[in-house]
C-alpha cells in the first residue's frame, strides 16, 4: 500500500466531518472499543490528558503538549481537524507522522478490518491509528483532543488521568442537545472515576453539571480562574505578555505566541492542567519548562497573521465557527484596532454551524464581508450565506472560491485596518492552500 492508497482506503469509512448532512449519526464506543482491543489496547499504555470543550480546546492542547515536551518527555498530540494534511492530527514531539508510518498504520488497520466499511467511522479509524502509533513509539504522555462532544467520542477510550473541559457554548446542538446543560452533560462524559478534571470558566448551568459529574465519579474538580492564574502585562515582539500568578512558575512572565484576548482563559486552563499532571511523580515540570513550553507553542490557523499579496493592511486567519469563538475573535479585533475597527471579513461556513449568530458577533468589528462557498459536501451555499450576511453587514460580496474571495477582500481593504478570513476551520485550510498556490 502506498500513501495515496492509504488515504483512498480511509475515505471508504463514513466521514461525519465532511458528510454529516447526508449520514445518519451513529455514536457508540462499541466499535472503537473492539478495534482497540484487537490492537492490544494501546490507549492504556501511556497516560493521556483528555480535553473536551466548545472553544479553546485546540489552544489548550497545544500549550500543554508544548510545556510537557519542554520537560524532555516524549509527547504525543492527537488533534482535529487538520488544516492541509490529515497527518497534522497525529504528532510526536511536535513532528507529524511520516507518510511511511501513516501508510503502515493504515495497512495494520486494514489487516484487522478488511473492507467492512460500515462498522467504523473515519474518525474512529484515525483515533485507533493515533493511539496505536503512540504506543508503538513508547510515548511518555499523550494530549488528546476530543472530536465532538465527549461521552461517545472515539477518544473517550482513554483511561482516567487528567481531563479538561474548556468553555462551553452552543455547538452541534443537533447531536449534543439544545440546552447548555445537555451539552455540558455530553462534554462531562469524559469524566472518569478518580481522574482530575480542570474546567475553564463556564456559565453556571454548565459548571453545575460538570461539578455534579465529578462528585458522582469521585473525580477531583479544579476551576481555572484566569484572574488568579495569569495577568495580562502588555505586548512585546508581537506577542502577548502574561505574568503567571500561581503554580511552579509563579512570578515568571511569558510571551504567548497565540494572539487574542481570550487566550488568557486558555493559558490559565493549560497551566492548571500542567499543575495537575505534575502531581504525578512521573512528571517533573519546572518553571523554566513552563516558560519555554508556553513561549514556543505553535498553533497554525488560530489568530494567525499571514501575508496577502498586494494587501495594504494586516491579514489574519482564524477558525471562529461558533458564537463563543466569533465573540472572542471580534473582541480581539476591536481590542487591537479600537472601537471603530474596520475589518474586511472573508467568511465560509459549513451547514451545521450557526452562521447567523457568528455573523451577528463578528459585525461589530467591520461592515464589509466577502462570502465564499467552501469546497466540501456540507458547505453552506454562498447565496444562502450571503442572505444571512446582509442582515449584519453593509457591503456583501460573493466569490465562487477562496482564492477569488481573498482577491476581492484585498480590493476592498484600502482604508481598512485588516482582512480577517474566518468561519469554519475548513475556510482556514482553504485560505492556506490558496495562499500557498500563489507563491
Protein backbone atom coordinates (compact mmCIF):
# COMPACT_ATOMS: atom_id res chain seq x y z
CA UNK A 1 0.00 0.00 0.00
CA UNK A 2 1.21 3.49 -0.89
CA UNK A 3 0.33 6.75 0.87
CA UNK A 4 -2.27 7.69 -1.74
CA UNK A 5 -3.86 4.26 -1.43
CA UNK A 6 -3.92 4.62 2.36
CA UNK A 7 -5.95 7.81 2.05
CA UNK A 8 -8.24 6.23 -0.51
CA UNK A 9 -8.85 3.31 1.85
CA UNK A 10 -9.73 5.64 4.73
CA UNK A 11 -12.14 7.56 2.53
CA UNK A 12 -14.34 4.48 2.36
CA UNK A 13 -15.35 4.92 6.00
CA UNK A 14 -18.24 7.18 6.97
CA UNK A 15 -16.85 10.65 7.45
CA UNK A 16 -19.20 12.80 9.54
CA UNK A 17 -16.80 15.72 9.34
CA UNK A 18 -17.46 16.05 5.62
CA UNK A 19 -20.89 14.49 5.12
CA UNK A 20 -22.79 14.88 8.37
CA UNK A 21 -25.81 16.21 6.48
CA UNK A 22 -26.01 13.03 4.36
CA UNK A 23 -25.26 10.42 7.01
CA UNK A 24 -27.33 9.16 9.91
CA UNK A 25 -25.41 9.80 13.14
CA UNK A 26 -24.14 6.66 14.84
CA UNK A 27 -22.50 7.25 18.16
CA UNK A 28 -21.29 4.36 20.29
CA UNK A 29 -17.99 3.29 21.79
CA UNK A 30 -18.55 -0.37 20.95
CA UNK A 31 -16.87 -0.37 17.55
CA UNK A 32 -13.81 1.65 18.56
CA UNK A 33 -13.55 -0.44 21.73
CA UNK A 34 -13.43 -3.70 19.78
CA UNK A 35 -10.87 -2.33 17.33
CA UNK A 36 -8.60 -1.10 20.11
CA UNK A 37 -8.83 -4.50 21.84
CA UNK A 38 -7.66 -6.18 18.63
CA UNK A 39 -4.74 -3.75 18.58
CA UNK A 40 -3.80 -4.70 22.13
CA UNK A 41 -5.47 -1.76 23.91
CA UNK A 42 -2.74 0.73 23.02
CA UNK A 43 -4.56 3.64 24.71
CA UNK A 44 -3.81 2.04 28.09
CA UNK A 45 -0.04 2.00 27.63
CA UNK A 46 0.57 5.69 28.46
CA UNK A 47 -1.26 8.40 30.43
CA UNK A 48 -3.37 10.87 28.48
CA UNK A 49 -4.52 14.42 29.06
CA UNK A 50 -8.01 14.42 27.56
CA UNK A 51 -9.51 17.78 26.54
CA UNK A 52 -13.13 18.48 25.59
CA UNK A 53 -14.96 21.78 25.14
CA UNK A 54 -16.54 24.16 22.67
CA UNK A 55 -13.88 26.84 22.32
CA UNK A 56 -10.21 26.86 23.22
CA UNK A 57 -9.58 23.13 23.39
CA UNK A 58 -7.12 23.21 20.50
CA UNK A 59 -5.11 26.05 22.03
CA UNK A 60 -5.12 24.34 25.42
CA UNK A 61 -3.93 21.06 23.91
CA UNK A 62 -1.08 22.72 22.03
CA UNK A 63 0.09 24.70 25.06
CA UNK A 64 0.01 21.65 27.33
CA UNK A 65 1.86 19.48 24.82
CA UNK A 66 4.50 22.16 24.27
CA UNK A 67 5.15 22.50 28.00
CA UNK A 68 5.36 18.74 28.52
CA UNK A 69 7.74 18.45 25.58
CA UNK A 70 9.94 21.14 27.14
CA UNK A 71 10.47 18.83 30.14
CA UNK A 72 12.11 16.26 27.91
CA UNK A 73 9.09 13.98 27.82
CA UNK A 74 8.32 12.09 24.66
CA UNK A 75 4.95 13.66 23.97
CA UNK A 76 2.11 12.76 21.64
CA UNK A 77 -0.63 15.03 20.34
CA UNK A 78 -3.87 13.91 18.71
CA UNK A 79 -5.94 16.83 17.43
CA UNK A 80 -8.65 17.64 14.91
CA UNK A 81 -9.50 18.79 12.38
CA UNK A 82 -6.42 19.21 10.23
CA UNK A 83 -5.89 22.24 8.02
CA UNK A 84 -3.99 20.94 4.99
CA UNK A 85 -2.72 17.39 5.60
CA UNK A 86 -4.50 14.61 7.52
CA UNK A 87 -1.17 13.73 9.14
CA UNK A 88 -1.28 17.01 11.10
CA UNK A 89 -3.64 15.28 13.55
CA UNK A 90 -1.05 12.79 14.75
CA UNK A 91 2.25 14.11 16.10
CA UNK A 92 5.05 13.05 18.42
CA UNK A 93 7.30 15.71 19.95
CA UNK A 94 5.89 18.28 17.54
CA UNK A 95 6.56 16.25 14.40
CA UNK A 96 3.63 14.89 12.43
CA UNK A 97 3.55 11.24 11.49
CA UNK A 98 5.53 10.49 8.33
CA UNK A 99 3.81 9.30 5.18
CA UNK A 100 5.57 5.97 5.55
CA UNK A 101 4.44 5.45 9.14
CA UNK A 102 0.92 6.64 8.35
CA UNK A 103 0.66 4.21 5.45
CA UNK A 104 1.94 1.33 7.58
CA UNK A 105 -0.57 2.22 10.30
CA UNK A 106 -3.44 2.18 7.82
CA UNK A 107 -2.25 -1.17 6.48
CA UNK A 108 -2.27 -2.53 10.02
CA UNK A 109 -5.90 -1.45 10.38
CA UNK A 110 -6.81 -2.93 7.01
CA UNK A 111 -5.49 -6.34 8.07
CA UNK A 112 -7.91 -6.25 11.01
CA UNK A 113 -10.92 -4.52 9.45
CA UNK A 114 -10.67 -5.54 5.82
CA UNK A 115 -13.24 -3.94 3.57
CA UNK A 116 -16.06 -3.82 6.11
CA UNK A 117 -16.57 -0.07 6.00
CA UNK A 118 -19.95 0.35 7.63
CA UNK A 119 -18.97 -0.61 11.18
CA UNK A 120 -16.41 2.13 11.84
CA UNK A 121 -16.21 5.82 11.03
CA UNK A 122 -13.29 7.71 9.55
CA UNK A 123 -12.65 9.43 12.88
CA UNK A 124 -12.74 6.15 14.81
CA UNK A 125 -10.15 4.61 12.49
CA UNK A 126 -7.92 7.68 12.76
CA UNK A 127 -8.23 7.60 16.54
CA UNK A 128 -7.21 3.95 16.63
CA UNK A 129 -4.27 4.68 14.33
CA UNK A 130 -3.11 7.52 16.60
CA UNK A 131 -3.40 5.55 19.85
CA UNK A 132 -1.59 2.55 18.33
CA UNK A 133 1.15 4.71 16.80
CA UNK A 134 1.76 6.43 20.13
CA UNK A 135 2.04 3.08 21.91
CA UNK A 136 4.42 1.68 19.29
CA UNK A 137 6.66 4.72 19.75
CA UNK A 138 6.65 4.40 23.57
CA UNK A 139 5.46 7.92 24.28
CA UNK A 140 5.56 9.14 27.89
CA UNK A 141 2.25 11.02 27.70
CA UNK A 142 -0.39 11.92 25.11
CA UNK A 143 -2.51 15.03 24.82
CA UNK A 144 -5.80 14.05 23.21
CA UNK A 145 -8.37 16.49 21.85
CA UNK A 146 -12.00 15.34 21.76
CA UNK A 147 -13.51 15.36 18.30
CA UNK A 148 -17.18 16.02 19.11
CA UNK A 149 -18.93 16.01 22.46
CA UNK A 150 -17.13 13.71 24.84
CA UNK A 151 -19.26 10.92 26.25
CA UNK A 152 -19.47 8.95 23.00
CA UNK A 153 -16.49 10.42 21.20
CA UNK A 154 -13.98 7.83 19.99
CA UNK A 155 -11.24 9.42 22.08
CA UNK A 156 -13.15 8.62 25.26
CA UNK A 157 -11.50 5.21 25.42
CA UNK A 158 -8.50 6.73 27.22
CA UNK A 159 -8.18 5.66 30.88
CA UNK A 160 -8.56 8.16 33.74
CA UNK A 161 -5.73 10.59 34.40
CA UNK A 162 -6.17 14.33 33.76
CA UNK A 163 -9.02 15.78 31.76
CA UNK A 164 -10.23 19.25 30.95
CA UNK A 165 -13.37 20.94 29.69
CA UNK A 166 -12.83 24.29 28.05
CA UNK A 167 -15.50 26.99 27.88
CA UNK A 168 -18.80 25.62 26.60
CA UNK A 169 -21.27 27.18 24.19
CA UNK A 170 -23.99 26.13 21.79
CA UNK A 171 -22.44 23.99 19.07
CA UNK A 172 -23.53 20.74 17.37
CA UNK A 173 -26.88 21.09 19.15
CA UNK A 174 -28.50 18.53 16.84
CA UNK A 175 -26.18 15.90 18.31
CA UNK A 176 -25.34 17.17 21.80
CA UNK A 177 -28.71 18.65 22.76
CA UNK A 178 -30.43 22.04 22.67
CA UNK A 179 -29.57 23.32 26.15
CA UNK A 180 -26.27 24.24 27.75
CA UNK A 181 -26.93 21.64 30.44
CA UNK A 182 -27.39 18.98 27.74
CA UNK A 183 -24.14 19.98 26.07
CA UNK A 184 -22.30 20.05 29.40
CA UNK A 185 -23.60 16.58 30.16
CA UNK A 186 -22.15 15.22 26.94
CA UNK A 187 -18.81 17.01 27.43
CA UNK A 188 -18.64 15.84 31.05
CA UNK A 189 -18.85 12.30 29.71
CA UNK A 190 -15.04 12.38 29.66
CA UNK A 191 -15.01 12.48 33.48
CA UNK A 192 -13.79 9.15 34.80
CA UNK A 193 -13.66 7.80 38.31
CA UNK A 194 -10.59 9.02 40.15
CA UNK A 195 -9.44 11.41 37.44
CA UNK A 196 -8.63 15.10 37.80
CA UNK A 197 -10.79 17.48 35.77
CA UNK A 198 -9.89 21.09 35.03
CA UNK A 199 -12.67 23.38 33.88
CA UNK A 200 -12.34 26.71 32.13
CA UNK A 201 -14.80 29.43 33.22
CA UNK A 202 -18.34 28.26 32.48
CA UNK A 203 -21.91 29.51 32.56
CA UNK A 204 -23.30 28.47 35.92
CA UNK A 205 -25.60 25.87 34.34
CA UNK A 206 -22.68 24.16 32.62
CA UNK A 207 -20.43 24.36 35.67
CA UNK A 208 -23.14 22.79 37.84
CA UNK A 209 -23.35 19.76 35.54
CA UNK A 210 -19.57 19.35 35.42
CA UNK A 211 -19.16 19.63 39.19
CA UNK A 212 -22.01 17.19 39.85
CA UNK A 213 -20.49 14.69 37.42
CA UNK A 214 -17.13 14.99 39.17
CA UNK A 215 -18.75 14.36 42.55
CA UNK A 216 -20.59 11.32 41.21
CA UNK A 217 -17.36 9.91 39.73
CA UNK A 218 -15.22 10.88 42.73
CA UNK A 219 -13.06 12.94 40.39
CA UNK A 220 -11.10 15.97 41.57
CA UNK A 221 -12.53 19.21 40.17
CA UNK A 222 -10.28 22.22 39.54
CA UNK A 223 -11.70 25.53 38.32
CA UNK A 224 -9.34 27.54 36.15
CA UNK A 225 -9.74 31.20 37.13
CA UNK A 226 -7.72 33.40 34.76
CA UNK A 227 -7.53 36.32 37.19
CA UNK A 228 -5.95 34.08 39.82
CA UNK A 229 -3.61 32.30 37.41
CA UNK A 230 -2.36 34.82 34.84
CA UNK A 231 -2.20 38.58 34.48
CA UNK A 232 -2.03 40.43 31.18
CA UNK A 233 1.03 42.69 31.18
CA UNK A 234 1.23 44.03 27.64
CA UNK A 235 2.82 43.11 24.32
CA UNK A 236 6.40 42.51 23.28
CA UNK A 237 7.79 41.39 19.92
CA UNK A 238 4.24 40.97 18.63
CA UNK A 239 3.37 38.56 21.44
CA UNK A 240 1.12 38.98 24.43
CA UNK A 241 2.96 39.06 27.76
CA UNK A 242 1.42 37.40 30.82
CA UNK A 243 2.64 37.16 34.39
CA UNK A 244 1.99 33.76 35.94
CA UNK A 245 0.39 34.21 39.34
CA UNK A 246 0.37 30.67 40.71
CA UNK A 247 1.97 27.25 40.41
CA UNK A 248 5.56 26.27 39.72
CA UNK A 249 6.22 29.33 37.54
CA UNK A 250 4.63 31.86 39.88
CA UNK A 251 6.11 35.32 39.33
CA UNK A 252 7.55 34.49 35.90
CA UNK A 253 6.50 36.35 32.76
CA UNK A 254 5.83 34.58 29.46
CA UNK A 255 5.39 35.73 25.87
CA UNK A 256 2.49 33.76 24.40
CA UNK A 257 2.66 33.47 20.58
CA UNK A 258 -1.13 32.89 20.33
CA UNK A 259 -2.98 36.15 19.72
CA UNK A 260 -6.37 37.06 21.13
CA UNK A 261 -7.61 38.32 24.48
CA UNK A 262 -9.41 35.01 25.05
CA UNK A 263 -6.04 33.23 25.24
CA UNK A 264 -5.79 34.27 28.90
CA UNK A 265 -8.53 31.71 29.59
CA UNK A 266 -6.76 29.04 27.56
CA UNK A 267 -3.41 29.75 29.18
CA UNK A 268 -4.92 29.62 32.67
CA UNK A 269 -6.63 26.32 31.85
CA UNK A 270 -3.42 24.86 30.42
CA UNK A 271 -1.41 25.90 33.49
CA UNK A 272 -3.93 24.23 35.79
CA UNK A 273 -3.64 21.07 33.70
CA UNK A 274 0.14 21.23 33.94
CA UNK A 275 -0.16 21.57 37.70
CA UNK A 276 -2.41 18.50 37.84
CA UNK A 277 -0.01 16.47 35.69
CA UNK A 278 2.93 17.49 37.89
CA UNK A 279 1.14 15.99 40.91
CA UNK A 280 2.07 12.63 39.40
CA UNK A 281 5.58 11.55 40.38
CA UNK A 282 6.33 10.50 36.80
CA UNK A 283 6.42 14.12 35.67
CA UNK A 284 8.81 16.79 36.92
CA UNK A 285 7.80 20.16 35.48
CA UNK A 286 9.92 23.19 36.37
CA UNK A 287 9.28 26.90 35.99
CA UNK A 288 11.78 27.01 33.13
CA UNK A 289 9.89 24.19 31.37
CA UNK A 290 6.63 26.09 31.65
CA UNK A 291 8.09 29.31 30.30
CA UNK A 292 9.88 27.56 27.44
CA UNK A 293 6.83 25.50 26.54
CA UNK A 294 4.44 28.43 26.50
CA UNK A 295 6.77 30.67 24.53
CA UNK A 296 7.44 28.03 21.86
CA UNK A 297 3.88 26.86 21.26
CA UNK A 298 2.79 26.76 17.63
CA UNK A 299 -0.87 26.53 16.61
CA UNK A 300 -1.48 27.39 12.94
CA UNK A 301 -4.77 28.88 11.85
CA UNK A 302 -5.77 30.49 15.14
CA UNK A 303 -5.38 34.29 15.17
CA UNK A 304 -2.55 33.72 12.75
CA UNK A 305 -1.12 36.70 10.92
CA UNK A 306 -0.40 35.99 7.26
CA UNK A 307 0.86 37.87 4.22
CA UNK A 308 -1.66 38.51 1.46
CA UNK A 309 -0.36 39.53 -1.99
CA UNK A 310 -0.66 43.29 -2.55
CA UNK A 311 -2.77 43.79 0.59
CA UNK A 312 -2.30 47.27 2.12
CA UNK A 313 -3.36 46.01 5.56
CA UNK A 314 -2.71 43.19 8.02
CA UNK A 315 -4.33 39.82 7.35
CA UNK A 316 -5.50 37.35 9.97
CA UNK A 317 -6.90 33.84 9.68
CA UNK A 318 -8.88 32.30 12.49
CA UNK A 319 -11.40 29.46 12.73
CA UNK A 320 -14.30 31.14 14.54
CA UNK A 321 -17.10 28.73 13.72
CA UNK A 322 -19.42 29.19 16.71
CA UNK A 323 -20.80 32.02 18.83
CA UNK A 324 -18.19 32.00 21.64
CA UNK A 325 -15.31 31.84 19.17
CA UNK A 326 -16.79 34.59 17.00
CA UNK A 327 -17.36 36.78 20.03
CA UNK A 328 -13.77 36.23 21.14
CA UNK A 329 -12.43 36.99 17.65
CA UNK A 330 -14.46 40.19 17.35
CA UNK A 331 -13.32 41.25 20.80
CA UNK A 332 -9.68 40.68 19.89
CA UNK A 333 -10.04 42.67 16.66
CA UNK A 334 -11.70 45.57 18.47
CA UNK A 335 -9.02 45.47 21.16
CA UNK A 336 -6.29 45.59 18.50
CA UNK A 337 -7.81 48.21 16.20
CA UNK A 338 -10.10 50.18 18.51
CA UNK A 339 -13.87 50.53 18.88
CA UNK A 340 -14.16 51.83 15.34
CA UNK A 341 -12.36 48.82 13.89
CA UNK A 342 -12.75 48.43 10.13
CA UNK A 343 -12.12 44.83 9.17
CA UNK A 344 -12.96 43.19 5.85
CA UNK A 345 -14.13 39.67 6.60
CA UNK A 346 -13.89 36.64 4.32
CA UNK A 347 -16.32 34.01 5.56
CA UNK A 348 -17.05 30.43 4.54
CA UNK A 349 -19.02 28.04 6.74
CA UNK A 350 -20.44 24.55 6.96
CA UNK A 351 -24.13 23.70 7.14
CA UNK A 352 -24.10 22.59 10.78
CA UNK A 353 -22.72 25.91 12.04
CA UNK A 354 -24.82 28.79 13.34
CA UNK A 355 -23.88 31.31 10.67
CA UNK A 356 -26.46 33.84 11.83
CA UNK A 357 -25.05 34.10 15.34
CA UNK A 358 -21.44 34.05 14.15
CA UNK A 359 -22.01 36.98 11.79
CA UNK A 360 -24.02 38.86 14.38
CA UNK A 361 -21.00 38.69 16.70
CA UNK A 362 -18.39 39.49 14.04
CA UNK A 363 -20.06 42.55 12.52
CA UNK A 364 -19.07 44.77 15.43
CA UNK A 365 -15.53 44.67 14.08
CA UNK A 366 -16.35 45.54 10.48
CA UNK A 367 -19.13 46.23 8.00
CA UNK A 368 -17.71 44.62 4.83
CA UNK A 369 -17.64 40.91 4.04
CA UNK A 370 -16.81 38.60 1.15
CA UNK A 371 -18.76 35.34 1.20
CA UNK A 372 -17.45 32.16 -0.37
CA UNK A 373 -18.62 28.57 -0.60
CA UNK A 374 -16.19 26.01 0.76
CA UNK A 375 -15.21 23.00 -1.31
CA UNK A 376 -16.95 20.47 0.95
CA UNK A 377 -20.13 18.45 0.59
CA UNK A 378 -21.65 20.05 3.67
CA UNK A 379 -20.63 23.62 2.93
CA UNK A 380 -23.30 26.29 3.22
CA UNK A 381 -24.12 27.55 -0.30
CA UNK A 382 -22.70 31.01 -0.91
CA UNK A 383 -26.08 32.52 -1.81
CA UNK A 384 -27.62 31.26 1.42
CA UNK A 385 -24.69 32.52 3.48
CA UNK A 386 -24.85 35.89 1.70
CA UNK A 387 -28.51 36.31 2.67
CA UNK A 388 -27.53 35.89 6.29
CA UNK A 389 -24.59 38.27 5.90
CA UNK A 390 -26.83 41.02 4.52
CA UNK A 391 -28.64 41.15 7.86
CA UNK A 392 -25.48 42.32 9.62
CA UNK A 393 -23.00 43.76 7.08
CA UNK A 394 -23.38 46.89 4.96
CA UNK A 395 -21.44 45.56 1.99
CA UNK A 396 -21.63 41.89 0.98
CA UNK A 397 -19.73 40.45 -1.96
CA UNK A 398 -19.75 36.83 -3.14
CA UNK A 399 -16.85 34.85 -4.63
CA UNK A 400 -17.01 31.38 -6.09
CA UNK A 401 -13.90 30.13 -4.28
CA UNK A 402 -11.45 31.11 -1.56
CA UNK A 403 -8.82 32.47 -3.96
CA UNK A 404 -11.41 34.74 -5.51
CA UNK A 405 -12.69 35.79 -2.09
CA UNK A 406 -9.22 36.81 -0.95
CA UNK A 407 -8.71 38.79 -4.15
CA UNK A 408 -11.99 40.66 -3.62
CA UNK A 409 -11.17 41.31 0.04
CA UNK A 410 -7.83 42.84 -0.94
CA UNK A 411 -9.70 45.05 -3.39
CA UNK A 412 -11.94 46.29 -0.58
CA UNK A 413 -9.22 46.71 2.00
CA UNK A 414 -7.99 50.22 1.26
CA UNK A 415 -8.72 52.41 4.26
CA UNK A 416 -9.41 49.40 6.46
CA UNK A 417 -7.45 48.05 9.42
CA UNK A 418 -7.25 44.39 8.43
CA UNK A 419 -8.59 41.47 6.44
CA UNK A 420 -9.85 38.54 8.52
CA UNK A 421 -10.50 35.15 6.95
CA UNK A 422 -12.74 33.13 9.23
CA UNK A 423 -15.75 30.86 9.62
CA UNK A 424 -15.21 27.11 9.68
CA UNK A 425 -11.69 25.75 10.14
CA UNK A 426 -12.08 24.43 6.61
CA UNK A 427 -12.12 28.07 5.48
CA UNK A 428 -8.76 28.49 7.18
CA UNK A 429 -7.47 25.39 5.40
CA UNK A 430 -8.65 26.64 2.02
CA UNK A 431 -7.09 30.04 2.68
CA UNK A 432 -3.75 28.42 3.46
CA UNK A 433 -3.95 26.35 0.30
CA UNK A 434 -4.91 29.38 -1.79
CA UNK A 435 -2.02 31.41 -0.41
CA UNK A 436 0.45 28.55 -0.88
CA UNK A 437 -0.59 28.17 -4.53
CA UNK A 438 0.04 31.87 -5.22
CA UNK A 439 3.69 31.65 -4.20
